[in-house]
Amino acid sequence: MKKEEAIFLLKQMMQIRQFEDKIWELLSKNIAQGGSHLYAGEEAVAVGAISILHPDDYITSTHRGHGHAIAKGGKLPELMAEILGKATGVCKGKGGSLHLADLSQGNLGANGVVGGSLGIATGAGLSVKLRKAKQVVICFFGDGATNQGIFHESLNMASKWRLPVIYLCENNLYGMSVSVKRASAVEDLTKKALAYGMPAENVDGMDILMVRKVVKKWVDFAREGKGPALLICNTYRYYGHSRSDAKVYRSREEEDLWRQRDPIILFSKRLIKEGILKEEEIKDLEKKVTEEIEEATRFAMESPLPESSALYEDLYA
């Protein structure tokens, strides 16, 4: 791996982690309002998967979508401003945390509906097919969404029409507070693709290089017109489902076990071992990211709220 590429991947993961830590701080001070679902711990999935895409490829996101937005090229100040409901936000302060979108970057948006990304991604895949384009769509969703009807409808349609969609499940073991083992009839979620004749693969979602390797294989497969695939990236969220979640349904031992496989630490150690980066270089990079997050926060907090007249803008009906 080239040094420039390694720095890019590591920096994006650091940006996501520090961005989410800052959002948690702002939530605790009631500076950020409303619901906000943090992505810390899952950085290797978003960065690893999206780093494989072309600039004109698409993604669809989830309620836990800050990491996807950053990895797809979102600007930190505009994303932070959006979460604080400011006019300078990427959606002019109208979307907030749960509805981050940036069509200019191919990010078709987050939403608060479990499984909502699946139909959007399938429709985008159909658009690509009808236009005879070479684009690919990565559809992010959680383990809980695999029990929704739209999951099965979307996979059936995509497989039947060979749509260029990678259905990427971020299996962080819990749908809000319910273990996937209790909620799903099959523990191995890849088996849910069997009914649709769709290839599927389990992936270590804490290993960014493994995510990149597997996603590249199936993105190339889809781009060649061979159809969709289901990937289950096994990962872990560090924070609760939202700020009201005390995480009483999981043990501290379980949390500690997953933190021992922290994706940023694992990747950093590998880069040092392979002589790609030095420990001081990684510390300097982390410091630069901290400065970027602080600047983004200042920009957001100093930005104005939308004017009341903005209520009547961007309407379709």
C-alpha atoms as a PDB file:
ATOM      1  CA  MET A   1       0.000   0.000   0.000  1.00  0.00           C
ATOM      2  CA  LYS A   2       1.274   3.452  -0.916  1.00  0.00           C
ATOM      3  CA  LYS A   3       1.845   5.907   1.905  1.00  0.00           C
ATOM      4  CA  GLU A   4      -0.593   8.483   0.478  1.00  0.00           C
ATOM      5  CA  GLU A   5      -3.371   5.903   0.315  1.00  0.00           C
ATOM      6  CA  ALA A   6      -2.673   4.696   3.840  1.00  0.00           C
ATOM      7  CA  ILE A   7      -2.828   8.259   5.178  1.00  0.00           C
ATOM      8  CA  PHE A   8      -6.100   8.894   3.354  1.00  0.00           C
ATOM      9  CA  LEU A   9      -7.769   5.800   4.828  1.00  0.00           C
ATOM     10  CA  LEU A  10      -6.458   6.340   8.338  1.00  0.00           C
ATOM     11  CA  LYS A  11      -7.357  10.024   8.303  1.00  0.00           C
ATOM     12  CA  GLN A  12     -10.931   9.336   7.242  1.00  0.00           C
ATOM     13  CA  MET A  13     -11.383   6.825  10.047  1.00  0.00           C
ATOM     14  CA  MET A  14      -9.942   9.332  12.513  1.00  0.00           C
ATOM     15  CA  GLN A  15     -12.257  12.037  11.168  1.00  0.00           C
ATOM     16  CA  ILE A  16     -15.305   9.851  11.681  1.00  0.00           C
ATOM     17  CA  ARG A  17     -14.266   8.833  15.202  1.00  0.00           C
ATOM     18  CA  GLN A  18     -13.517  12.375  16.347  1.00  0.00           C
ATOM     19  CA  PHE A  19     -16.575  13.778  14.574  1.00  0.00           C
ATOM     20  CA  GLU A  20     -18.790  11.344  16.464  1.00  0.00           C
ATOM     21  CA  ASP A  21     -17.059  12.005  19.778  1.00  0.00           C
ATOM     22  CA  LYS A  22     -17.665  15.714  19.237  1.00  0.00           C
ATOM     23  CA  ILE A  23     -21.333  15.137  18.422  1.00  0.00           C
ATOM     24  CA  TRP A  24     -21.663  13.185  21.670  1.00  0.00           C
ATOM     25  CA  GLU A  25     -20.144  16.133  23.541  1.00  0.00           C
ATOM     26  CA  LEU A  26     -22.548  18.565  21.854  1.00  0.00           C
ATOM     27  CA  LEU A  27     -25.509  16.300  22.634  1.00  0.00           C
ATOM     28  CA  SER A  28     -24.511  16.093  26.292  1.00  0.00           C
ATOM     29  CA  LYS A  29     -24.458  19.900  26.434  1.00  0.00           C
ATOM     30  CA  ASN A  30     -27.779  20.162  24.542  1.00  0.00           C
ATOM     31  CA  ILE A  31     -26.048  22.178  21.829  1.00  0.00           C
ATOM     32  CA  ALA A  32     -27.046  19.481  19.349  1.00  0.00           C
ATOM     33  CA  GLN A  33     -30.771  18.731  19.514  1.00  0.00           C
ATOM     34  CA  GLY A  34     -32.926  15.772  18.558  1.00  0.00           C
ATOM     35  CA  GLY A  35     -31.943  12.234  17.692  1.00  0.00           C
ATOM     36  CA  SER A  36     -28.407  11.361  16.672  1.00  0.00           C
ATOM     37  CA  HIS A  37     -27.052   7.855  16.207  1.00  0.00           C
ATOM     38  CA  LEU A  38     -23.276   7.590  16.363  1.00  0.00           C
ATOM     39  CA  TYR A  39     -21.024   5.479  14.129  1.00  0.00           C
ATOM     40  CA  ALA A  40     -17.908   5.212  16.326  1.00  0.00           C
ATOM     41  CA  GLY A  41     -16.417   1.721  16.156  1.00  0.00           C
ATOM     42  CA  GLU A  42     -17.678   0.959  12.657  1.00  0.00           C
ATOM     43  CA  GLU A  43     -15.291   3.239  10.743  1.00  0.00           C
ATOM     44  CA  ALA A  44     -13.528   0.472   8.806  1.00  0.00           C
ATOM     45  CA  VAL A  45     -16.769  -0.475   7.061  1.00  0.00           C
ATOM     46  CA  ALA A  46     -17.680   2.939   5.663  1.00  0.00           C
ATOM     47  CA  VAL A  47     -14.134   3.992   4.777  1.00  0.00           C
ATOM     48  CA  GLY A  48     -13.081   0.612   3.449  1.00  0.00           C
ATOM     49  CA  ALA A  49     -16.155   0.115   1.274  1.00  0.00           C
ATOM     50  CA  ILE A  50     -16.537   3.634  -0.089  1.00  0.00           C
ATOM     51  CA  SER A  51     -12.818   3.970  -0.859  1.00  0.00           C
ATOM     52  CA  ILE A  52     -13.337   1.380  -3.606  1.00  0.00           C
ATOM     53  CA  LEU A  53     -16.032   3.372  -5.399  1.00  0.00           C
ATOM     54  CA  HIS A  54     -15.690   5.771  -8.321  1.00  0.00           C
ATOM     55  CA  PRO A  55     -16.681   9.403  -7.693  1.00  0.00           C
ATOM     56  CA  ASP A  56     -19.937   9.007  -9.667  1.00  0.00           C
ATOM     57  CA  ASP A  57     -21.018   5.823  -7.862  1.00  0.00           C
ATOM     58  CA  TYR A  58     -23.866   6.003  -5.359  1.00  0.00           C
ATOM     59  CA  ILE A  59     -24.440   5.107  -1.740  1.00  0.00           C
ATOM     60  CA  THR A  60     -27.560   4.993   0.387  1.00  0.00           C
ATOM     61  CA  SER A  61     -27.241   5.374   4.128  1.00  0.00           C
ATOM     62  CA  THR A  62     -29.022   4.747   7.429  1.00  0.00           C
ATOM     63  CA  HIS A  63     -30.030   6.566  10.599  1.00  0.00           C
ATOM     64  CA  ARG A  64     -26.390   5.965  11.668  1.00  0.00           C
ATOM     65  CA  GLY A  65     -25.096   7.825   8.640  1.00  0.00           C
ATOM     66  CA  HIS A  66     -22.434  10.359   9.663  1.00  0.00           C
ATOM     67  CA  GLY A  67     -19.598   7.959   8.824  1.00  0.00           C
ATOM     68  CA  HIS A  68     -20.972   7.194   5.375  1.00  0.00           C
ATOM     69  CA  ALA A  69     -21.337  10.902   4.625  1.00  0.00           C
ATOM     70  CA  ILE A  70     -17.745  11.673   5.618  1.00  0.00           C
ATOM     71  CA  ALA A  71     -16.343   8.697   3.705  1.00  0.00           C
ATOM     72  CA  LYS A  72     -18.257   9.753   0.569  1.00  0.00           C
ATOM     73  CA  GLY A  73     -16.501  13.097   0.488  1.00  0.00           C
ATOM     74  CA  GLY A  74     -18.729  15.192   2.715  1.00  0.00           C
ATOM     75  CA  LYS A  75     -17.205  18.400   4.057  1.00  0.00           C
ATOM     76  CA  LEU A  76     -16.838  18.374   7.832  1.00  0.00           C
ATOM     77  CA  PRO A  77     -18.014  21.978   8.447  1.00  0.00           C
ATOM     78  CA  GLU A  78     -21.151  21.508   6.324  1.00  0.00           C
ATOM     79  CA  LEU A  79     -21.960  18.176   7.942  1.00  0.00           C
ATOM     80  CA  MET A  80     -21.497  19.560  11.438  1.00  0.00           C
ATOM     81  CA  ALA A  81     -23.619  22.592  10.572  1.00  0.00           C
ATOM     82  CA  GLU A  82     -26.368  20.339   9.254  1.00  0.00           C
ATOM     83  CA  ILE A  83     -26.488  18.329  12.460  1.00  0.00           C
ATOM     84  CA  LEU A  84     -26.823  21.601  14.402  1.00  0.00           C
ATOM     85  CA  GLY A  85     -29.656  22.681  12.076  1.00  0.00           C
ATOM     86  CA  LYS A  86     -27.794  25.617  10.574  1.00  0.00           C
ATOM     87  CA  ALA A  87     -28.404  27.265   7.185  1.00  0.00           C
ATOM     88  CA  THR A  88     -24.831  26.498   6.100  1.00  0.00           C
ATOM     89  CA  GLY A  89     -25.452  22.775   6.466  1.00  0.00           C
ATOM     90  CA  VAL A  90     -25.242  20.383   3.543  1.00  0.00           C
ATOM     91  CA  CYS A  91     -29.066  20.229   3.491  1.00  0.00           C
ATOM     92  CA  LYS A  92     -29.518  23.862   4.572  1.00  0.00           C
ATOM     93  CA  GLY A  93     -30.288  22.761   8.118  1.00  0.00           C
ATOM     94  CA  LYS A  94     -33.467  20.937   7.090  1.00  0.00           C
ATOM     95  CA  GLY A  95     -32.263  17.359   7.280  1.00  0.00           C
ATOM     96  CA  GLY A  96     -30.293  17.136  10.466  1.00  0.00           C
ATOM     97  CA  SER A  97     -28.506  14.063  11.708  1.00  0.00           C
ATOM     98  CA  LEU A  98     -31.027  11.544  10.407  1.00  0.00           C
ATOM     99  CA  HIS A  99     -31.294  12.894   6.869  1.00  0.00           C
ATOM    100  CA  LEU A 100     -27.777  13.755   5.751  1.00  0.00           C
ATOM    101  CA  ALA A 101     -27.584  13.725   1.958  1.00  0.00           C
ATOM    102  CA  ASP A 102     -25.278  15.171  -0.674  1.00  0.00           C
ATOM    103  CA  LEU A 103     -26.275  14.407  -4.230  1.00  0.00           C
ATOM    104  CA  SER A 104     -23.154  16.153  -5.544  1.00  0.00           C
ATOM    105  CA  GLN A 105     -21.097  13.393  -3.894  1.00  0.00           C
ATOM    106  CA  GLY A 106     -23.410  10.545  -4.881  1.00  0.00           C
ATOM    107  CA  ASN A 107     -24.746  10.237  -1.339  1.00  0.00           C
ATOM    108  CA  LEU A 108     -28.459   9.643  -1.864  1.00  0.00           C
ATOM    109  CA  GLY A 109     -29.091  10.140   1.801  1.00  0.00           C
ATOM    110  CA  ALA A 110     -29.708   8.763   5.246  1.00  0.00           C
ATOM    111  CA  ASN A 111     -33.174   8.235   6.670  1.00  0.00           C
ATOM    112  CA  GLY A 112     -34.837   7.202   9.893  1.00  0.00           C
ATOM    113  CA  VAL A 113     -36.742   4.227   8.495  1.00  0.00           C
ATOM    114  CA  VAL A 114     -35.306   0.798   9.257  1.00  0.00           C
ATOM    115  CA  GLY A 115     -34.507  -0.654   5.843  1.00  0.00           C
ATOM    116  CA  GLY A 116     -35.394   2.591   4.091  1.00  0.00           C
ATOM    117  CA  SER A 117     -32.087   2.600   2.242  1.00  0.00           C
ATOM    118  CA  LEU A 118     -32.876  -0.685   0.505  1.00  0.00           C
ATOM    119  CA  GLY A 119     -35.627   0.563  -1.780  1.00  0.00           C
ATOM    120  CA  ILE A 120     -33.730   3.738  -2.638  1.00  0.00           C
ATOM    121  CA  ALA A 121     -30.606   1.778  -3.572  1.00  0.00           C
ATOM    122  CA  THR A 122     -32.557  -0.707  -5.661  1.00  0.00           C
ATOM    123  CA  GLY A 123     -34.223   2.142  -7.523  1.00  0.00           C
ATOM    124  CA  ALA A 124     -30.840   3.754  -8.118  1.00  0.00           C
ATOM    125  CA  GLY A 125     -29.540   0.443  -9.403  1.00  0.00           C
ATOM    126  CA  LEU A 126     -32.456   0.189 -11.803  1.00  0.00           C
ATOM    127  CA  SER A 127     -31.684   3.716 -13.020  1.00  0.00           C
ATOM    128  CA  VAL A 128     -28.087   2.707 -13.707  1.00  0.00           C
ATOM    129  CA  LYS A 129     -29.272  -0.348 -15.615  1.00  0.00           C
ATOM    130  CA  LEU A 130     -31.781   1.588 -17.737  1.00  0.00           C
ATOM    131  CA  ARG A 131     -29.188   4.251 -18.552  1.00  0.00           C
ATOM    132  CA  LYS A 132     -26.663   1.524 -19.432  1.00  0.00           C
ATOM    133  CA  ALA A 133     -24.150   3.269 -17.194  1.00  0.00           C
ATOM    134  CA  LYS A 134     -21.189   1.685 -15.423  1.00  0.00           C
ATOM    135  CA  GLN A 135     -22.034   2.967 -11.962  1.00  0.00           C
ATOM    136  CA  VAL A 136     -22.440   0.840  -8.842  1.00  0.00           C
ATOM    137  CA  VAL A 137     -24.567   1.410  -5.739  1.00  0.00           C
ATOM    138  CA  ILE A 138     -23.562   0.443  -2.200  1.00  0.00           C
ATOM    139  CA  CYS A 139     -26.565   0.136   0.064  1.00  0.00           C
ATOM    140  CA  PHE A 140     -25.745   0.370   3.778  1.00  0.00           C
ATOM    141  CA  PHE A 141     -28.197  -1.039   6.316  1.00  0.00           C
ATOM    142  CA  GLY A 142     -28.146  -2.744   9.712  1.00  0.00           C
ATOM    143  CA  ASP A 143     -28.795  -6.285  10.845  1.00  0.00           C
ATOM    144  CA  GLY A 144     -32.300  -5.371  12.005  1.00  0.00           C
ATOM    145  CA  ALA A 145     -33.248  -4.377   8.463  1.00  0.00           C
ATOM    146  CA  THR A 146     -32.717  -7.947   7.220  1.00  0.00           C
ATOM    147  CA  ASN A 147     -36.010  -8.820   8.932  1.00  0.00           C
ATOM    148  CA  GLN A 148     -37.958  -6.135   7.061  1.00  0.00           C
ATOM    149  CA  GLY A 149     -40.097  -6.980   4.067  1.00  0.00           C
ATOM    150  CA  ILE A 150     -38.360  -4.426   1.865  1.00  0.00           C
ATOM    151  CA  PHE A 151     -35.063  -6.297   2.349  1.00  0.00           C
ATOM    152  CA  HIS A 152     -36.496  -9.391   0.691  1.00  0.00           C
ATOM    153  CA  GLU A 153     -38.381  -7.473  -2.000  1.00  0.00           C
ATOM    154  CA  SER A 154     -35.289  -5.484  -2.911  1.00  0.00           C
ATOM    155  CA  LEU A 155     -32.937  -8.470  -3.058  1.00  0.00           C
ATOM    156  CA  ASN A 156     -35.434 -10.402  -5.164  1.00  0.00           C
ATOM    157  CA  MET A 157     -35.841  -7.560  -7.659  1.00  0.00           C
ATOM    158  CA  ALA A 158     -32.115  -6.811  -7.845  1.00  0.00           C
ATOM    159  CA  SER A 159     -31.236 -10.445  -8.390  1.00  0.00           C
ATOM    160  CA  LYS A 160     -33.944 -10.992 -11.005  1.00  0.00           C
ATOM    161  CA  TRP A 161     -32.857  -7.919 -13.003  1.00  0.00           C
ATOM    162  CA  ARG A 162     -29.123  -8.177 -12.202  1.00  0.00           C
ATOM    163  CA  LEU A 163     -28.927  -4.685 -10.788  1.00  0.00           C
ATOM    164  CA  PRO A 164     -25.479  -3.300  -9.850  1.00  0.00           C
ATOM    165  CA  VAL A 165     -26.139  -3.023  -6.118  1.00  0.00           C
ATOM    166  CA  ILE A 166     -23.941  -4.183  -3.251  1.00  0.00           C
ATOM    167  CA  TYR A 167     -26.215  -4.758  -0.260  1.00  0.00           C
ATOM    168  CA  LEU A 168     -23.867  -4.127   2.657  1.00  0.00           C
ATOM    169  CA  CYS A 169     -25.218  -5.060   6.068  1.00  0.00           C
ATOM    170  CA  GLU A 170     -23.403  -3.486   9.016  1.00  0.00           C
ATOM    171  CA  ASN A 171     -24.047  -6.204  11.562  1.00  0.00           C
ATOM    172  CA  ASN A 172     -23.250  -4.529  14.874  1.00  0.00           C
ATOM    173  CA  LEU A 173     -25.067  -7.343  16.722  1.00  0.00           C
ATOM    174  CA  TYR A 174     -28.007  -5.287  17.966  1.00  0.00           C
ATOM    175  CA  GLY A 175     -31.120  -3.808  16.402  1.00  0.00           C
ATOM    176  CA  MET A 176     -31.552  -0.971  18.901  1.00  0.00           C
ATOM    177  CA  SER A 177     -31.414  -3.205  22.007  1.00  0.00           C
ATOM    178  CA  VAL A 178     -32.343  -6.644  20.654  1.00  0.00           C
ATOM    179  CA  SER A 179     -29.587  -9.113  19.843  1.00  0.00           C
ATOM    180  CA  VAL A 180     -29.522 -10.332  16.257  1.00  0.00           C
ATOM    181  CA  LYS A 181     -29.459 -13.851  17.699  1.00  0.00           C
ATOM    182  CA  ARG A 182     -32.903 -13.276  19.202  1.00  0.00           C
ATOM    183  CA  ALA A 183     -34.360 -11.402  16.244  1.00  0.00           C
ATOM    184  CA  SER A 184     -33.241 -13.482  13.278  1.00  0.00           C
ATOM    185  CA  ALA A 185     -34.250 -17.063  12.511  1.00  0.00           C
ATOM    186  CA  VAL A 186     -30.781 -17.678  11.068  1.00  0.00           C
ATOM    187  CA  GLU A 187     -27.675 -16.422  12.841  1.00  0.00           C
ATOM    188  CA  ASP A 188     -25.576 -16.421   9.643  1.00  0.00           C
ATOM    189  CA  LEU A 189     -27.217 -13.563   7.765  1.00  0.00           C
ATOM    190  CA  THR A 190     -25.567 -14.490   4.456  1.00  0.00           C
ATOM    191  CA  LYS A 191     -28.038 -17.379   4.237  1.00  0.00           C
ATOM    192  CA  LYS A 192     -30.815 -14.869   3.602  1.00  0.00           C
ATOM    193  CA  ALA A 193     -29.418 -14.375   0.096  1.00  0.00           C
ATOM    194  CA  LEU A 194     -29.933 -18.038  -0.832  1.00  0.00           C
ATOM    195  CA  ALA A 195     -33.603 -17.540  -1.700  1.00  0.00           C
ATOM    196  CA  TYR A 196     -32.624 -15.073  -4.401  1.00  0.00           C
ATOM    197  CA  GLY A 197     -29.670 -16.901  -5.938  1.00  0.00           C
ATOM    198  CA  MET A 198     -27.455 -14.042  -4.796  1.00  0.00           C
ATOM    199  CA  PRO A 199     -23.808 -14.442  -3.787  1.00  0.00           C
ATOM    200  CA  ALA A 200     -23.095 -13.491  -0.188  1.00  0.00           C
ATOM    201  CA  GLU A 201     -20.060 -13.234   2.055  1.00  0.00           C
ATOM    202  CA  ASN A 202     -19.201 -12.543   5.689  1.00  0.00           C
ATOM    203  CA  VAL A 203     -16.553  -9.868   6.260  1.00  0.00           C
ATOM    204  CA  ASP A 204     -14.496  -8.793   9.269  1.00  0.00           C
ATOM    205  CA  GLY A 205     -15.839  -5.267   9.618  1.00  0.00           C
ATOM    206  CA  MET A 206     -13.064  -4.215  12.002  1.00  0.00           C
ATOM    207  CA  ASP A 207     -10.347  -4.805   9.394  1.00  0.00           C
ATOM    208  CA  ILE A 208     -10.342  -2.016   6.815  1.00  0.00           C
ATOM    209  CA  LEU A 209      -8.094  -3.869   4.380  1.00  0.00           C
ATOM    210  CA  MET A 210     -10.318  -6.944   4.455  1.00  0.00           C
ATOM    211  CA  VAL A 211     -13.372  -4.764   3.857  1.00  0.00           C
ATOM    212  CA  ARG A 212     -11.641  -3.146   0.879  1.00  0.00           C
ATOM    213  CA  LYS A 213     -10.586  -6.497  -0.561  1.00  0.00           C
ATOM    214  CA  VAL A 214     -14.015  -8.098  -0.384  1.00  0.00           C
ATOM    215  CA  VAL A 215     -15.955  -5.014  -1.463  1.00  0.00           C
ATOM    216  CA  LYS A 216     -13.667  -4.506  -4.462  1.00  0.00           C
ATOM    217  CA  LYS A 217     -14.303  -8.069  -5.607  1.00  0.00           C
ATOM    218  CA  TRP A 218     -18.064  -7.630  -5.591  1.00  0.00           C
ATOM    219  CA  VAL A 219     -18.066  -4.041  -6.865  1.00  0.00           C
ATOM    220  CA  ASP A 220     -16.087  -5.257  -9.887  1.00  0.00           C
ATOM    221  CA  PHE A 221     -18.579  -8.117 -10.242  1.00  0.00           C
ATOM    222  CA  ALA A 222     -21.530  -5.703 -10.242  1.00  0.00           C
ATOM    223  CA  ARG A 223     -19.836  -3.200 -12.546  1.00  0.00           C
ATOM    224  CA  GLU A 224     -19.351  -5.965 -15.107  1.00  0.00           C
ATOM    225  CA  GLY A 225     -23.123  -6.467 -15.228  1.00  0.00           C
ATOM    226  CA  LYS A 226     -23.157  -9.724 -13.272  1.00  0.00           C
ATOM    227  CA  GLY A 227     -25.634  -8.529 -10.672  1.00  0.00           C
ATOM    228  CA  PRO A 228     -25.832  -7.797  -6.954  1.00  0.00           C
ATOM    229  CA  ALA A 229     -24.225  -9.309  -3.858  1.00  0.00           C
ATOM    230  CA  LEU A 230     -24.953  -9.361  -0.127  1.00  0.00           C
ATOM    231  CA  LEU A 231     -22.082  -8.591   2.250  1.00  0.00           C
ATOM    232  CA  ILE A 232     -22.358  -8.940   6.013  1.00  0.00           C
ATOM    233  CA  CYS A 233     -19.733  -6.755   7.684  1.00  0.00           C
ATOM    234  CA  ASN A 234     -19.489  -7.831  11.313  1.00  0.00           C
ATOM    235  CA  THR A 235     -18.688  -4.802  13.437  1.00  0.00           C
ATOM    236  CA  TYR A 236     -19.577  -3.054  16.702  1.00  0.00           C
ATOM    237  CA  ARG A 237     -20.886   0.344  17.738  1.00  0.00           C
ATOM    238  CA  TYR A 238     -19.206   1.858  20.778  1.00  0.00           C
ATOM    239  CA  TYR A 239     -22.004   4.205  21.814  1.00  0.00           C
ATOM    240  CA  GLY A 240     -25.555   3.184  22.596  1.00  0.00           C
ATOM    241  CA  HIS A 241     -28.256   3.182  19.959  1.00  0.00           C
ATOM    242  CA  SER A 242     -28.844   6.845  20.785  1.00  0.00           C
ATOM    243  CA  ARG A 243     -28.053   9.138  23.709  1.00  0.00           C
ATOM    244  CA  SER A 244     -30.973   7.744  25.749  1.00  0.00           C
ATOM    245  CA  ASP A 245     -29.539   4.201  25.547  1.00  0.00           C
ATOM    246  CA  ALA A 246     -27.753   3.062  28.720  1.00  0.00           C
ATOM    247  CA  LYS A 247     -26.612  -0.167  26.984  1.00  0.00           C
ATOM    248  CA  VAL A 248     -27.960  -2.382  29.784  1.00  0.00           C
ATOM    249  CA  TYR A 249     -28.484  -5.207  27.291  1.00  0.00           C
ATOM    250  CA  ARG A 250     -24.757  -5.809  26.736  1.00  0.00           C
ATOM    251  CA  SER A 251     -21.877  -6.465  29.109  1.00  0.00           C
ATOM    252  CA  ARG A 252     -18.796  -4.360  29.707  1.00  0.00           C
ATOM    253  CA  GLU A 253     -16.758  -7.488  28.979  1.00  0.00           C
ATOM    254  CA  GLU A 254     -18.284  -7.673  25.508  1.00  0.00           C
ATOM    255  CA  GLU A 255     -17.532  -4.010  24.892  1.00  0.00           C
ATOM    256  CA  ASP A 256     -13.925  -4.413  26.051  1.00  0.00           C
ATOM    257  CA  LEU A 257     -13.474  -7.435  23.797  1.00  0.00           C
ATOM    258  CA  TRP A 258     -14.546  -5.488  20.721  1.00  0.00           C
ATOM    259  CA  ARG A 259     -12.479  -2.439  21.659  1.00  0.00           C
ATOM    260  CA  GLN A 260      -9.411  -4.658  21.620  1.00  0.00           C
ATOM    261  CA  ARG A 261     -10.053  -4.908  17.873  1.00  0.00           C
ATOM    262  CA  ASP A 262     -10.540  -1.180  17.363  1.00  0.00           C
ATOM    263  CA  PRO A 263     -10.258  -0.573  13.585  1.00  0.00           C
ATOM    264  CA  ILE A 264      -8.133   2.566  13.914  1.00  0.00           C
ATOM    265  CA  ILE A 265      -5.673   0.976  16.318  1.00  0.00           C
ATOM    266  CA  LEU A 266      -5.435  -2.225  14.262  1.00  0.00           C
ATOM    267  CA  PHE A 267      -4.731  -0.318  11.054  1.00  0.00           C
ATOM    268  CA  SER A 268      -2.246   2.026  12.752  1.00  0.00           C
ATOM    269  CA  LYS A 269      -0.283  -0.893  14.195  1.00  0.00           C
ATOM    270  CA  ARG A 270      -0.191  -2.588  10.809  1.00  0.00           C
ATOM    271  CA  LEU A 271       1.117   0.544   9.092  1.00  0.00           C
ATOM    272  CA  ILE A 272       3.855   0.924  11.710  1.00  0.00           C
ATOM    273  CA  LYS A 273       4.809  -2.753  11.482  1.00  0.00           C
ATOM    274  CA  GLU A 274       5.053  -2.588   7.688  1.00  0.00           C
ATOM    275  CA  GLY A 275       7.122   0.611   7.800  1.00  0.00           C
ATOM    276  CA  ILE A 276       4.533   2.670   5.924  1.00  0.00           C
ATOM    277  CA  LEU A 277       4.025   5.197   8.716  1.00  0.00           C
ATOM    278  CA  LYS A 278       5.879   6.025  11.893  1.00  0.00           C
ATOM    279  CA  GLU A 279       4.190   6.392  15.270  1.00  0.00           C
ATOM    280  CA  GLU A 280       4.952  10.129  15.338  1.00  0.00           C
ATOM    281  CA  GLU A 281       3.379  10.571  11.911  1.00  0.00           C
ATOM    282  CA  ILE A 282       0.190   8.923  13.157  1.00  0.00           C
ATOM    283  CA  LYS A 283       0.118  11.177  16.221  1.00  0.00           C
ATOM    284  CA  ASP A 284       0.619  14.243  14.009  1.00  0.00           C
ATOM    285  CA  LEU A 285      -2.214  13.085  11.734  1.00  0.00           C
ATOM    286  CA  GLU A 286      -4.514  12.648  14.708  1.00  0.00           C
ATOM    287  CA  LYS A 287      -3.649  16.147  15.898  1.00  0.00           C
ATOM    288  CA  LYS A 288      -4.474  17.606  12.469  1.00  0.00           C
ATOM    289  CA  VAL A 289      -7.820  15.823  12.497  1.00  0.00           C
ATOM    290  CA  THR A 290      -8.575  17.254  15.932  1.00  0.00           C
ATOM    291  CA  GLU A 291      -7.931  20.735  14.567  1.00  0.00           C
ATOM    292  CA  GLU A 292     -10.232  20.049  11.608  1.00  0.00           C
ATOM    293  CA  ILE A 293     -13.027  18.897  13.914  1.00  0.00           C
ATOM    294  CA  GLU A 294     -12.641  21.948  16.140  1.00  0.00           C
ATOM    295  CA  GLU A 295     -12.730  24.247  13.120  1.00  0.00           C
ATOM    296  CA  ALA A 296     -15.812  22.478  11.762  1.00  0.00           C
ATOM    297  CA  THR A 297     -17.498  22.868  15.152  1.00  0.00           C
ATOM    298  CA  ARG A 298     -16.676  26.599  15.307  1.00  0.00           C
ATOM    299  CA  PHE A 299     -18.036  27.050  11.782  1.00  0.00           C
ATOM    300  CA  ALA A 300     -21.258  25.257  12.698  1.00  0.00           C
ATOM    301  CA  MET A 301     -21.828  27.069  15.978  1.00  0.00           C
ATOM    302  CA  GLU A 302     -21.172  30.489  14.427  1.00  0.00           C
ATOM    303  CA  SER A 303     -23.439  29.815  11.426  1.00  0.00           C
ATOM    304  CA  PRO A 304     -26.964  31.251  11.350  1.00  0.00           C
ATOM    305  CA  LEU A 305     -30.161  29.305  11.694  1.00  0.00           C
ATOM    306  CA  PRO A 306     -32.313  29.149   8.537  1.00  0.00           C
ATOM    307  CA  GLU A 307     -34.694  32.014   7.900  1.00  0.00           C
ATOM    308  CA  SER A 308     -38.374  31.191   8.396  1.00  0.00           C
ATOM    309  CA  SER A 309     -38.929  31.821   4.663  1.00  0.00           C
ATOM    310  CA  ALA A 310     -36.750  28.751   3.949  1.00  0.00           C
ATOM    311  CA  LEU A 311     -39.730  26.619   4.961  1.00  0.00           C
ATOM    312  CA  TYR A 312     -41.202  27.270   1.504  1.00  0.00           C
ATOM    313  CA  GLU A 313     -38.042  26.437  -0.444  1.00  0.00           C
ATOM    314  CA  ASP A 314     -37.059  23.074  -1.943  1.00  0.00           C
ATOM    315  CA  LEU A 315     -40.654  21.815  -1.947  1.00  0.00           C
ATOM    316  CA  TYR A 316     -41.907  19.364  -4.542  1.00  0.00           C
ATOM    317  CA  ALA A 317     -45.605  19.835  -3.815  1.00  0.00           C
END
